[in-house]
Amino acid sequence: MLVGLGLWLTVRFAEWAFIRSVWNANSLDECHQIVAAIHGEDQSGACWAVFGNYINLLLFGFYPEAQYWRPILAFFLLFAALAPIVFSSLPRKLLWFSAAYPIIAFVLIWGAFGLESVRSAKFGGFLMTIILGVAGVAVATVIGIILALGRQYGIRSIKVLCAATTTLFNGIPIIVLLISAVYIGVYFFPPGFFIPIHGSVIFVLGMVGAAKVAEVFRQELDRITFGQFEAARALGLSADKTFWLVTLPLAYKRSIPQIALEAAIVFQNTTIVSIIGLLDPVGLTTPIRGGSVEWNGIMWELYFGIALAYWIFSFSIISYSKYHAQRLKREQANPANLIT
């Protein structure tokens, strides 16, 4: 029965989303008229034409149209910066570009050195989502590793502090943390003290992710066997070099699949920023639906389209994490990879 219901729903959705869909129209009423003229008065179809009318708004928010090339360039440079991190076969010298990328992206997107300055208030859509997601993942990875190392190797007070931080951000719902971080300045800081709202969001997203990354990285540190330490020492490495050249890189390498999954979660968590007034793609659906008479009432097409974009991004990250995990299994099966 459930299989039959699932097939029926799939067929009905395919008819609505593809067979009777409209891709070129200037209003919701025009979409309905086109569907009625072709398929009959009692039929309905998806009006994907809304994306043709609002694609720039959904992608860039209110970013100046003449400056679109800047976030587009920053987006493509992001892949160049990530390449040496996720593919160990690339030359390690490329990591210098990865380290410099945050500065390059900031200059391109916000403006500096002759580029027109653009305020954060003009950010929106997927541009904001990518900024918050990438910055949140970077914070999560760096702070998460620091927290794990502090709990594993720090003195007692450092261990307690790192454990308390991890527990705090693991135990409190992200919505509570987000609202608290954004509005805490109103009550606890002096008048005139300003905390950038985007910075607060990045902090919360990053720290929630860092709490998860810290647990993953600490587990991988525990999994490194004594035999691997002995192999490193047999090669003449000191205790410090063993840690920096063997323990830390090996634990990070093994953590990448789980860190990639956390990256997908951080990216998905950016959808809650509409609660505090930031216009991510989900937040932009309200002004699109109610901001003009032409598209008043449209809803499912916007949510399905935005959900598809998030799914593609998350699926890509998860697919890479599975690929990396399989590669690790093959490397671990090869005795030549005992250390590296």
Protein backbone atom coordinates (compact mmCIF):
# COMPACT_ATOMS: atom_id res chain seq x y z
CA MET A 1 0.00 0.00 0.00
CA LEU A 2 2.78 2.42 0.97
CA VAL A 3 4.67 1.57 -2.23
CA GLY A 4 1.58 2.27 -4.29
CA LEU A 5 1.00 5.56 -2.48
CA GLY A 6 4.62 6.53 -3.04
CA LEU A 7 4.38 5.78 -6.77
CA TRP A 8 1.14 7.74 -7.06
CA LEU A 9 2.66 10.76 -5.31
CA THR A 10 5.78 10.53 -7.50
CA VAL A 11 3.71 10.49 -10.69
CA ARG A 12 1.53 13.38 -9.52
CA PHE A 13 4.57 15.43 -8.56
CA ALA A 14 6.30 14.72 -11.89
CA GLU A 15 3.20 15.86 -13.77
CA TRP A 16 2.98 19.05 -11.71
CA ALA A 17 6.71 19.84 -11.68
CA PHE A 18 7.65 18.91 -15.25
CA ILE A 19 4.85 17.97 -17.63
CA ARG A 20 2.52 20.88 -16.81
CA SER A 21 5.21 23.33 -15.66
CA VAL A 22 5.66 26.87 -16.98
CA TRP A 23 9.12 28.35 -17.41
CA ASN A 24 8.38 31.65 -19.09
CA ALA A 25 5.78 34.03 -17.63
CA ASN A 26 5.61 37.43 -15.96
CA SER A 27 3.10 36.63 -13.22
CA LEU A 28 1.42 33.78 -11.37
CA ASP A 29 -1.88 34.51 -13.12
CA GLU A 30 -0.17 34.24 -16.50
CA CYS A 31 1.21 30.84 -15.46
CA HIS A 32 -2.30 29.66 -14.56
CA GLN A 33 -3.64 30.90 -17.89
CA ILE A 34 -0.93 29.05 -19.84
CA VAL A 35 -1.58 25.80 -17.97
CA ALA A 36 -5.36 26.15 -18.46
CA ALA A 37 -4.96 26.83 -22.18
CA ILE A 38 -2.71 23.80 -22.76
CA HIS A 39 -3.89 21.20 -20.23
CA GLY A 40 -7.37 22.31 -19.22
CA GLU A 41 -9.06 24.54 -16.66
CA ASP A 42 -8.97 21.94 -13.89
CA GLN A 43 -5.21 21.28 -14.14
CA SER A 44 -2.35 22.90 -12.25
CA GLY A 45 1.36 23.12 -12.91
CA ALA A 46 4.53 24.47 -11.36
CA CYS A 47 5.34 28.07 -12.20
CA TRP A 48 9.15 27.93 -12.35
CA ALA A 49 9.11 31.26 -14.17
CA VAL A 50 9.37 32.96 -10.79
CA PHE A 51 13.06 32.04 -10.71
CA GLY A 52 13.65 33.74 -14.04
CA ASN A 53 12.20 36.93 -12.60
CA TYR A 54 14.01 36.80 -9.25
CA ILE A 55 17.17 34.80 -9.92
CA ASN A 56 19.49 37.75 -9.23
CA LEU A 57 17.74 38.53 -5.94
CA LEU A 58 17.92 34.90 -4.80
CA LEU A 59 21.61 34.62 -5.73
CA PHE A 60 22.99 38.00 -4.65
CA GLY A 61 20.36 39.69 -2.49
CA PHE A 62 20.70 43.46 -2.87
CA TYR A 63 24.35 43.40 -3.92
CA PRO A 64 25.02 46.07 -6.63
CA GLU A 65 24.33 44.52 -10.02
CA ALA A 66 27.37 46.12 -11.63
CA GLN A 67 29.58 44.38 -9.04
CA TYR A 68 28.25 40.83 -9.45
CA TRP A 69 31.59 39.77 -10.94
CA ARG A 70 33.26 40.17 -7.54
CA PRO A 71 31.32 37.52 -5.56
CA ILE A 72 31.32 35.27 -8.64
CA LEU A 73 35.13 35.47 -8.83
CA ALA A 74 35.40 34.88 -5.08
CA PHE A 75 33.16 31.81 -5.44
CA PHE A 76 35.32 30.21 -8.12
CA LEU A 77 38.53 31.05 -6.25
CA LEU A 78 37.04 29.18 -3.28
CA PHE A 79 37.40 25.90 -5.20
CA ALA A 80 41.05 26.71 -5.93
CA ALA A 81 41.59 27.37 -2.22
CA LEU A 82 39.87 24.13 -1.16
CA ALA A 83 41.62 21.92 -3.72
CA PRO A 84 44.97 21.47 -1.86
CA ILE A 85 43.07 20.87 1.39
CA VAL A 86 40.81 18.08 0.14
CA PHE A 87 43.22 16.55 -2.40
CA SER A 88 46.51 15.61 -0.78
CA SER A 89 48.09 14.78 -4.15
CA LEU A 90 48.34 18.47 -5.06
CA PRO A 91 51.55 20.41 -4.27
CA ARG A 92 51.64 21.57 -0.64
CA LYS A 93 52.80 25.02 -1.75
CA LEU A 94 49.24 25.70 -2.88
CA LEU A 95 48.22 25.82 0.79
CA TRP A 96 49.65 29.35 0.87
CA PHE A 97 46.85 30.40 -1.45
CA SER A 98 44.35 28.61 0.79
CA ALA A 99 45.65 30.58 3.78
CA ALA A 100 45.43 33.85 1.87
CA TYR A 101 41.97 33.18 0.45
CA PRO A 102 39.96 34.70 3.36
CA ILE A 103 41.71 38.04 2.80
CA ILE A 104 41.23 37.81 -0.98
CA ALA A 105 37.53 36.98 -0.58
CA PHE A 106 37.02 39.82 1.91
CA VAL A 107 38.62 42.34 -0.45
CA LEU A 108 36.56 41.13 -3.40
CA ILE A 109 33.19 40.93 -1.66
CA TRP A 110 33.32 43.84 0.79
CA GLY A 111 35.66 46.05 -1.25
CA ALA A 112 39.13 47.50 -0.70
CA PHE A 113 42.18 48.66 -2.69
CA GLY A 114 40.11 50.64 -5.17
CA LEU A 115 37.09 48.34 -5.28
CA GLU A 116 33.76 49.93 -4.38
CA SER A 117 32.78 49.29 -0.77
CA VAL A 118 29.62 47.21 -0.27
CA ARG A 119 27.90 47.08 3.10
CA SER A 120 26.94 43.74 4.64
CA ALA A 121 23.32 44.95 4.78
CA LYS A 122 23.14 44.49 1.00
CA PHE A 123 24.09 40.82 1.22
CA GLY A 124 21.36 38.25 0.79
CA GLY A 125 20.31 35.08 -0.95
CA PHE A 126 22.83 32.35 -1.64
CA LEU A 127 25.66 34.90 -1.46
CA MET A 128 24.95 35.31 2.25
CA THR A 129 24.48 31.56 2.69
CA ILE A 130 27.87 30.77 1.16
CA ILE A 131 29.63 33.49 3.18
CA LEU A 132 28.11 32.31 6.46
CA GLY A 133 28.59 28.65 5.58
CA VAL A 134 32.23 28.85 4.46
CA ALA A 135 33.24 31.13 7.33
CA GLY A 136 31.34 28.93 9.79
CA VAL A 137 33.07 25.79 8.52
CA ALA A 138 36.50 27.47 8.77
CA VAL A 139 35.81 28.52 12.37
CA ALA A 140 34.42 25.08 13.20
CA THR A 141 37.48 23.28 11.82
CA VAL A 142 40.15 25.50 13.40
CA ILE A 143 38.48 25.96 16.80
CA GLY A 144 37.35 22.33 16.87
CA ILE A 145 40.91 21.06 16.43
CA ILE A 146 42.17 23.49 19.10
CA LEU A 147 39.48 22.30 21.53
CA ALA A 148 40.35 18.65 20.84
CA LEU A 149 44.07 19.26 21.38
CA GLY A 150 43.32 21.19 24.56
CA ARG A 151 41.24 18.34 25.98
CA GLN A 152 43.81 15.74 24.95
CA TYR A 153 47.13 17.39 25.82
CA GLY A 154 46.40 20.55 27.84
CA ILE A 155 46.95 21.10 31.55
CA ARG A 156 44.02 20.45 33.87
CA SER A 157 42.54 23.97 33.68
CA ILE A 158 42.76 23.96 29.88
CA LYS A 159 41.11 20.55 29.71
CA VAL A 160 38.24 21.75 31.91
CA LEU A 161 37.79 24.92 29.82
CA CYS A 162 37.78 23.01 26.52
CA ALA A 163 35.39 20.37 27.88
CA ALA A 164 33.04 23.06 29.21
CA THR A 165 33.06 24.90 25.88
CA THR A 166 32.33 21.72 23.94
CA THR A 167 29.51 20.76 26.31
CA LEU A 168 28.00 24.25 26.19
CA PHE A 169 27.71 24.41 22.41
CA ASN A 170 26.65 20.76 22.16
CA GLY A 171 23.92 21.08 24.77
CA ILE A 172 22.11 24.31 23.89
CA PRO A 173 19.81 24.53 20.83
CA ILE A 174 21.36 26.55 18.03
CA ILE A 175 18.34 28.87 17.79
CA VAL A 176 18.78 29.89 21.45
CA LEU A 177 22.50 30.49 20.88
CA LEU A 178 21.85 32.49 17.73
CA ILE A 179 19.26 34.80 19.28
CA SER A 180 21.39 35.25 22.40
CA ALA A 181 24.52 36.11 20.42
CA VAL A 182 22.71 38.64 18.23
CA TYR A 183 20.80 40.46 20.97
CA ILE A 184 23.15 40.10 23.92
CA GLY A 185 24.87 43.39 23.09
CA VAL A 186 21.64 45.31 23.71
CA TYR A 187 21.61 44.32 27.37
CA PHE A 188 25.20 43.66 28.37
CA PHE A 189 27.32 46.14 26.39
CA PRO A 190 27.44 49.93 26.76
CA PRO A 191 25.44 52.18 24.38
CA GLY A 192 27.13 52.64 21.04
CA PHE A 193 28.94 49.29 21.21
CA PHE A 194 28.18 47.49 17.96
CA ILE A 195 28.53 43.77 17.25
CA PRO A 196 28.15 42.96 13.53
CA ILE A 197 25.19 40.65 13.13
CA HIS A 198 26.96 38.57 10.47
CA GLY A 199 29.92 38.12 12.81
CA SER A 200 27.59 36.89 15.56
CA VAL A 201 26.00 34.37 13.21
CA ILE A 202 29.38 33.09 12.01
CA PHE A 203 30.50 32.75 15.63
CA VAL A 204 27.45 30.67 16.60
CA LEU A 205 27.51 28.47 13.49
CA GLY A 206 31.26 27.97 13.85
CA MET A 207 31.22 27.15 17.57
CA VAL A 208 28.33 24.69 17.24
CA GLY A 209 30.25 22.97 14.46
CA ALA A 210 33.50 23.20 16.46
CA ALA A 211 31.93 21.28 19.34
CA LYS A 212 31.16 18.41 16.95
CA VAL A 213 34.55 18.59 15.19
CA ALA A 214 36.33 18.55 18.58
CA GLU A 215 34.69 15.25 19.50
CA VAL A 216 35.53 13.71 16.13
CA PHE A 217 39.15 14.88 16.16
CA ARG A 218 39.70 13.74 19.76
CA GLN A 219 38.45 10.27 18.87
CA GLU A 220 40.87 10.10 15.95
CA LEU A 221 43.74 11.13 18.24
CA ASP A 222 42.83 8.22 20.52
CA ARG A 223 42.77 5.82 17.57
CA ILE A 224 46.42 6.45 16.63
CA THR A 225 48.23 3.32 17.80
CA PHE A 226 51.44 3.07 19.77
CA GLY A 227 53.00 1.21 16.86
CA GLN A 228 52.72 4.32 14.71
CA PHE A 229 54.57 6.34 17.35
CA GLU A 230 57.28 3.68 17.46
CA ALA A 231 57.56 3.66 13.67
CA ALA A 232 58.06 7.42 13.68
CA ARG A 233 60.64 7.27 16.46
CA ALA A 234 62.46 4.48 14.62
CA LEU A 235 62.89 6.87 11.72
CA GLY A 236 64.70 9.28 14.02
CA LEU A 237 61.86 11.71 14.71
CA SER A 238 61.79 13.45 18.07
CA ALA A 239 58.64 13.53 20.19
CA ASP A 240 57.77 17.05 18.96
CA LYS A 241 58.34 16.17 15.31
CA THR A 242 56.35 12.97 15.75
CA PHE A 243 53.40 15.03 16.98
CA TRP A 244 53.60 17.70 14.24
CA LEU A 245 54.54 15.42 11.34
CA VAL A 246 52.69 12.21 12.20
CA THR A 247 50.04 12.48 14.93
CA LEU A 248 48.40 15.75 13.94
CA PRO A 249 48.34 15.21 10.13
CA LEU A 250 47.16 11.61 10.51
CA ALA A 251 44.33 12.52 12.89
CA TYR A 252 43.24 15.37 10.61
CA LYS A 253 43.38 13.16 7.54
CA ARG A 254 41.17 10.56 9.18
CA SER A 255 38.78 13.26 10.44
CA ILE A 256 38.08 14.78 7.03
CA PRO A 257 35.01 12.61 6.24
CA GLN A 258 33.29 13.61 9.50
CA ILE A 259 34.42 17.22 9.16
CA ALA A 260 32.89 17.23 5.67
CA LEU A 261 29.59 16.01 7.12
CA GLU A 262 29.72 18.78 9.72
CA ALA A 263 30.32 21.25 6.89
CA ALA A 264 27.07 20.11 5.28
CA ILE A 265 25.25 20.57 8.60
CA VAL A 266 26.70 24.07 9.08
CA PHE A 267 25.59 24.98 5.56
CA GLN A 268 22.07 23.70 6.26
CA ASN A 269 21.95 25.55 9.59
CA THR A 270 22.31 28.86 7.75
CA THR A 271 18.62 28.61 6.87
CA ILE A 272 17.66 29.66 10.42
CA VAL A 273 19.16 33.15 10.02
CA SER A 274 15.85 34.36 8.59
CA ILE A 275 14.58 34.21 12.19
CA ILE A 276 16.76 37.19 13.08
CA GLY A 277 15.94 39.15 9.94
CA LEU A 278 18.76 38.17 7.57
CA LEU A 279 17.54 37.59 4.03
CA ASP A 280 18.94 34.23 3.04
CA PRO A 281 17.10 32.41 0.20
CA VAL A 282 14.41 31.19 2.60
CA GLY A 283 14.02 34.67 4.08
CA LEU A 284 13.64 36.16 0.60
CA THR A 285 10.61 34.01 -0.17
CA THR A 286 8.38 36.32 1.91
CA PRO A 287 9.14 39.58 0.02
CA ILE A 288 8.92 37.71 -3.30
CA ARG A 289 5.53 36.24 -2.45
CA GLY A 290 4.08 39.39 -0.92
CA GLY A 291 6.13 42.18 -2.44
CA SER A 292 4.34 42.34 -5.78
CA VAL A 293 0.85 41.71 -7.08
CA GLU A 294 2.22 39.61 -9.94
CA TRP A 295 3.65 36.88 -7.71
CA ASN A 296 1.40 37.15 -4.68
CA GLY A 297 0.51 33.65 -3.48
CA ILE A 298 3.32 31.63 -5.05
CA MET A 299 4.96 29.33 -2.52
CA TRP A 300 5.77 25.70 -3.32
CA GLU A 301 7.93 26.46 -6.35
CA LEU A 302 10.19 28.73 -4.30
CA TYR A 303 10.63 26.24 -1.49
CA PHE A 304 11.19 23.27 -3.83
CA GLY A 305 13.76 25.19 -5.86
CA ILE A 306 15.68 26.42 -2.82
CA ALA A 307 15.54 22.96 -1.23
CA LEU A 308 17.00 21.45 -4.42
CA ALA A 309 19.94 23.88 -4.31
CA TYR A 310 20.67 22.99 -0.68
CA TRP A 311 20.37 19.28 -1.47
CA ILE A 312 22.85 19.51 -4.36
CA PHE A 313 25.40 21.25 -2.15
CA SER A 314 24.93 18.82 0.77
CA PHE A 315 24.97 15.79 -1.53
CA SER A 316 28.25 16.95 -3.07
CA ILE A 317 29.89 17.28 0.35
CA ILE A 318 28.59 13.92 1.57
CA SER A 319 29.72 12.23 -1.65
CA TYR A 320 33.22 13.63 -1.15
CA SER A 321 33.27 12.43 2.48
CA LYS A 322 32.38 8.90 1.32
CA TYR A 323 35.04 9.02 -1.38
CA HIS A 324 37.66 10.15 1.13
CA ALA A 325 36.62 7.48 3.64
CA GLN A 326 36.99 4.76 0.99
CA ARG A 327 40.39 6.11 0.02
CA LEU A 328 41.48 6.01 3.66
CA LYS A 329 40.47 2.35 3.90
CA ARG A 330 42.59 1.53 0.85
CA GLU A 331 45.57 3.44 2.26
CA GLN A 332 45.30 1.80 5.67
CA ALA A 333 45.32 -1.62 4.01
CA ASN A 334 48.72 -0.76 2.49
CA PRO A 335 51.62 -1.25 4.99
CA ALA A 336 53.61 1.42 3.17
CA ASN A 337 51.15 3.99 4.54
CA LEU A 338 51.77 3.14 8.20
CA ILE A 339 52.89 6.70 9.00
CA THR A 340 51.60 8.87 6.20
